[in-house]
Protein backbone atom coordinates (compact mmCIF):
# COMPACT_ATOMS: atom_id res chain seq x y z
CA MET A 1 113.51 105.45 75.32
CA VAL A 2 110.07 104.25 74.05
CA LYS A 3 107.14 103.27 76.36
CA ILE A 4 105.24 100.34 75.41
CA LYS A 5 102.22 98.39 76.91
CA ILE A 6 102.03 94.76 76.90
CA VAL A 7 98.63 93.14 77.33
CA LEU A 8 98.49 89.56 78.38
CA GLN A 9 95.60 87.12 77.53
CA ASN A 10 94.16 87.37 80.96
CA ASN A 11 93.51 91.37 80.20
CA LYS A 12 96.28 92.20 82.72
CA ASP A 13 98.61 94.91 81.28
CA PHE A 14 101.92 96.23 82.01
CA GLU A 15 103.97 99.34 80.90
CA THR A 16 107.92 99.30 80.39
CA GLU A 17 110.45 101.07 78.44
CA VAL A 18 112.50 99.75 75.62
CA GLU A 19 115.35 101.40 73.67
CA THR A 20 113.38 101.19 70.37
CA TYR A 21 110.32 99.95 69.00
CA ASP A 22 109.67 98.15 65.88
CA ALA A 23 106.57 95.78 66.23
CA VAL A 24 107.90 93.29 63.35
CA GLU A 25 111.48 92.98 64.75
CA LEU A 26 110.08 92.55 68.41
CA HIS A 27 107.53 89.85 67.17
CA LYS A 28 110.49 88.22 65.38
CA ALA A 29 112.68 88.45 68.41
CA ILE A 30 109.96 86.87 70.83
CA LYS A 31 109.22 84.19 68.16
CA ALA A 32 112.91 83.11 68.14
CA TRP A 33 113.74 83.38 71.76
CA ASP A 34 114.61 79.74 72.96
CA ASP A 35 112.95 80.09 76.44
CA THR A 36 109.31 80.61 77.12
CA LEU A 37 110.00 83.35 79.25
CA VAL A 38 111.08 86.66 77.38
CA PRO A 39 112.73 89.80 78.73
CA ILE A 40 111.14 92.80 77.53
CA GLY A 41 112.17 96.10 78.85
CA ASN A 42 112.39 95.63 82.70
CA LEU A 43 109.76 92.78 82.67
CA VAL A 44 110.29 88.92 82.24
CA ILE A 45 106.90 87.54 80.36
CA ASN A 46 105.73 84.08 79.31
CA LYS A 47 105.88 84.64 75.46
CA HIS A 48 102.68 82.36 75.06
CA HIS A 49 100.64 84.64 77.32
CA ILE A 50 101.15 87.70 75.15
CA GLU A 51 97.98 89.09 73.52
CA CYS A 52 99.45 92.29 71.97
CA ILE A 53 102.02 94.95 72.24
CA TYR A 54 101.84 98.45 71.37
CA GLU A 55 103.62 101.82 71.64
CA ILE A 56 102.18 104.59 74.08
CA LYS A 57 102.67 107.87 72.41
């Protein structure tokens, strides 16, 4: 599992774990998701409010 941090436009941030982290593939998957709410790890986030996502090492 890989720990990632999701930062929203209102500067709130959340940590979650995902099986793998590939920034390009995650961006494509979020963009292609039909609904506004996207599941990422154990979170459900409005994809229009995401500022950035990065891996925590």
